[in-house]
Amino acid sequence: MNIYVSNLSFHTSEEDLKNLFSKYGNVTSAKIIMDRMTNRSRGFAFVEMPSEEQGNEALKGLNGRDVEGRALSVSVAREKEDRSGGRNSFSRSGNKRFF
C-alpha cells in the first residue's frame, strides 16, 4: 500500500518516518519529497507498506497524530495525474502526443 503523509516537520527524516510507521508493520520505503532548488523538505512524503492491512492500521493510528509539533495527515496515495498540457504538448520522451 502506498501512503501519502503530509504536514511533516521540515526536520523529520526518512528514518524517522520508517520508525514511526514500522510500529504498524513492515515498511518497504519512506521517501520525503525535497525541493529541487533548496534541497529542503517540502513537508510531505510517501511511505510504502507491503500489506494493505498494515497500511490501514497505520492510517488509523497516525492520521492526526502530533509529530514534532505538527498534526500529520495520513491517507492512501492517489495515482499521479497526467500533467500534460493541451493539444501541442510533448511527452517526457519528447514524442509529440496526438489527440
C-alpha atoms as a PDB file:
ATOM      1  CA  MET A   1       0.000   0.000   0.000  1.00  0.00           C
ATOM      2  CA  ASN A   2       1.319   3.434  -0.925  1.00  0.00           C
ATOM      3  CA  ILE A   3       0.599   6.038   1.760  1.00  0.00           C
ATOM      4  CA  TYR A   4       0.698   9.836   1.437  1.00  0.00           C
ATOM      5  CA  VAL A   5       1.896  11.705   4.538  1.00  0.00           C
ATOM      6  CA  SER A   6       1.629  15.497   4.748  1.00  0.00           C
ATOM      7  CA  ASN A   7       2.113  18.303   7.253  1.00  0.00           C
ATOM      8  CA  LEU A   8       5.538  16.941   8.167  1.00  0.00           C
ATOM      9  CA  SER A   9       8.010  18.979  10.136  1.00  0.00           C
ATOM     10  CA  PHE A  10      10.896  20.112   7.949  1.00  0.00           C
ATOM     11  CA  HIS A  11      13.194  18.316  10.415  1.00  0.00           C
ATOM     12  CA  THR A  12      11.583  14.875  10.006  1.00  0.00           C
ATOM     13  CA  SER A  13      13.919  12.403   8.323  1.00  0.00           C
ATOM     14  CA  GLU A  14      13.123   9.336   6.229  1.00  0.00           C
ATOM     15  CA  GLU A  15      14.497   7.219   9.078  1.00  0.00           C
ATOM     16  CA  ASP A  16      12.049   8.942  11.484  1.00  0.00           C
ATOM     17  CA  LEU A  17       9.181   8.033   9.143  1.00  0.00           C
ATOM     18  CA  LYS A  18      10.307   4.415   8.862  1.00  0.00           C
ATOM     19  CA  ASN A  19      10.475   4.135  12.641  1.00  0.00           C
ATOM     20  CA  LEU A  20       7.062   5.752  13.073  1.00  0.00           C
ATOM     21  CA  PHE A  21       5.315   3.506  10.533  1.00  0.00           C
ATOM     22  CA  SER A  22       7.181   0.318  11.496  1.00  0.00           C
ATOM     23  CA  LYS A  23       5.102   0.187  14.686  1.00  0.00           C
ATOM     24  CA  TYR A  24       2.214  -0.864  12.415  1.00  0.00           C
ATOM     25  CA  GLY A  25       4.100  -3.345  10.214  1.00  0.00           C
ATOM     26  CA  ASN A  26       6.839  -3.663   7.630  1.00  0.00           C
ATOM     27  CA  VAL A  27       7.922  -0.539   5.774  1.00  0.00           C
ATOM     28  CA  THR A  28       9.180  -1.126   2.236  1.00  0.00           C
ATOM     29  CA  SER A  29      10.231   2.500   1.708  1.00  0.00           C
ATOM     30  CA  ALA A  30       9.831   6.018   3.063  1.00  0.00           C
ATOM     31  CA  LYS A  31      10.575   8.930   0.741  1.00  0.00           C
ATOM     32  CA  ILE A  32      10.398  12.576   1.784  1.00  0.00           C
ATOM     33  CA  ILE A  33       9.861  14.862  -1.199  1.00  0.00           C
ATOM     34  CA  MET A  34      12.553  17.523  -1.439  1.00  0.00           C
ATOM     35  CA  ASP A  35      12.505  20.961  -3.067  1.00  0.00           C
ATOM     36  CA  ARG A  36      14.865  20.915  -6.064  1.00  0.00           C
ATOM     37  CA  MET A  37      16.057  24.483  -5.567  1.00  0.00           C
ATOM     38  CA  THR A  38      16.723  24.484  -1.816  1.00  0.00           C
ATOM     39  CA  ASN A  39      17.152  20.739  -1.193  1.00  0.00           C
ATOM     40  CA  ARG A  40      14.826  21.104   1.823  1.00  0.00           C
ATOM     41  CA  SER A  41      11.802  19.006   2.662  1.00  0.00           C
ATOM     42  CA  ARG A  42       8.548  20.118   1.027  1.00  0.00           C
ATOM     43  CA  GLY A  43       6.641  18.816   4.068  1.00  0.00           C
ATOM     44  CA  PHE A  44       5.205  15.638   2.562  1.00  0.00           C
ATOM     45  CA  ALA A  45       6.287  12.076   1.899  1.00  0.00           C
ATOM     46  CA  PHE A  46       5.269   8.674   0.590  1.00  0.00           C
ATOM     47  CA  VAL A  47       5.544   5.513   2.665  1.00  0.00           C
ATOM     48  CA  GLU A  48       5.100   2.042   1.188  1.00  0.00           C
ATOM     49  CA  MET A  49       3.935  -0.922   3.213  1.00  0.00           C
ATOM     50  CA  PRO A  50       3.610  -4.380   1.604  1.00  0.00           C
ATOM     51  CA  SER A  51       0.369  -5.276   3.384  1.00  0.00           C
ATOM     52  CA  GLU A  52      -2.874  -3.369   2.910  1.00  0.00           C
ATOM     53  CA  GLU A  53      -3.949  -4.466   6.390  1.00  0.00           C
ATOM     54  CA  GLN A  54      -0.819  -2.980   7.975  1.00  0.00           C
ATOM     55  CA  GLY A  55      -1.207   0.163   5.879  1.00  0.00           C
ATOM     56  CA  ASN A  56      -4.783   0.644   7.054  1.00  0.00           C
ATOM     57  CA  GLU A  57      -3.686   0.223  10.670  1.00  0.00           C
ATOM     58  CA  ALA A  58      -1.009   2.893  10.126  1.00  0.00           C
ATOM     59  CA  LEU A  59      -3.642   5.213   8.589  1.00  0.00           C
ATOM     60  CA  LYS A  60      -5.890   4.806  11.620  1.00  0.00           C
ATOM     61  CA  GLY A  61      -3.085   5.126  14.135  1.00  0.00           C
ATOM     62  CA  LEU A  62      -1.165   8.027  12.631  1.00  0.00           C
ATOM     63  CA  ASN A  63      -3.691  10.318  10.941  1.00  0.00           C
ATOM     64  CA  GLY A  64      -3.945  13.426  13.112  1.00  0.00           C
ATOM     65  CA  ARG A  65      -1.129  12.320  15.407  1.00  0.00           C
ATOM     66  CA  ASP A  66       1.182  15.047  16.676  1.00  0.00           C
ATOM     67  CA  VAL A  67       4.760  14.558  15.468  1.00  0.00           C
ATOM     68  CA  GLU A  68       7.310  17.275  16.179  1.00  0.00           C
ATOM     69  CA  GLY A  69       4.518  19.737  16.954  1.00  0.00           C
ATOM     70  CA  ARG A  70       2.524  19.082  13.770  1.00  0.00           C
ATOM     71  CA  ALA A  71      -0.619  17.004  13.248  1.00  0.00           C
ATOM     72  CA  LEU A  72       0.131  14.504  10.482  1.00  0.00           C
ATOM     73  CA  SER A  73      -2.297  13.987   7.647  1.00  0.00           C
ATOM     74  CA  VAL A  74      -2.067  10.353   6.505  1.00  0.00           C
ATOM     75  CA  SER A  75      -4.076   8.915   3.602  1.00  0.00           C
ATOM     76  CA  VAL A  76      -3.932   6.416   0.769  1.00  0.00           C
ATOM     77  CA  ALA A  77      -1.787   7.863  -2.024  1.00  0.00           C
ATOM     78  CA  ARG A  78      -3.542   8.533  -5.323  1.00  0.00           C
ATOM     79  CA  GLU A  79      -2.069   7.743  -8.718  1.00  0.00           C
ATOM     80  CA  LYS A  80      -0.071  10.584 -10.211  1.00  0.00           C
ATOM     81  CA  GLU A  81      -2.206  12.579 -12.631  1.00  0.00           C
ATOM     82  CA  ASP A  82      -1.120  13.254 -16.184  1.00  0.00           C
ATOM     83  CA  ARG A  83       0.072  16.864 -16.090  1.00  0.00           C
ATOM     84  CA  SER A  84       0.482  17.292 -19.823  1.00  0.00           C
ATOM     85  CA  GLY A  85      -0.722  20.481 -21.422  1.00  0.00           C
ATOM     86  CA  GLY A  86      -3.060  20.558 -24.333  1.00  0.00           C
ATOM     87  CA  ARG A  87      -3.020  19.746 -27.998  1.00  0.00           C
ATOM     88  CA  ASN A  88       0.637  20.586 -28.668  1.00  0.00           C
ATOM     89  CA  SER A  89       2.215  19.147 -25.532  1.00  0.00           C
ATOM     90  CA  PHE A  90       5.125  16.769 -25.604  1.00  0.00           C
ATOM     91  CA  SER A  91       5.566  13.636 -23.544  1.00  0.00           C
ATOM     92  CA  ARG A  92       8.586  13.132 -21.310  1.00  0.00           C
ATOM     93  CA  SER A  93      10.220  11.041 -24.002  1.00  0.00           C
ATOM     94  CA  GLY A  94       9.994  14.010 -26.357  1.00  0.00           C
ATOM     95  CA  ASN A  95       7.409  12.423 -28.637  1.00  0.00           C
ATOM     96  CA  LYS A  96       4.510  14.609 -29.619  1.00  0.00           C
ATOM     97  CA  ARG A  97       1.181  13.429 -28.313  1.00  0.00           C
ATOM     98  CA  PHE A  98      -1.665  13.275 -30.791  1.00  0.00           C
ATOM     99  CA  PHE A  99      -5.275  13.734 -29.797  1.00  0.00           C
END
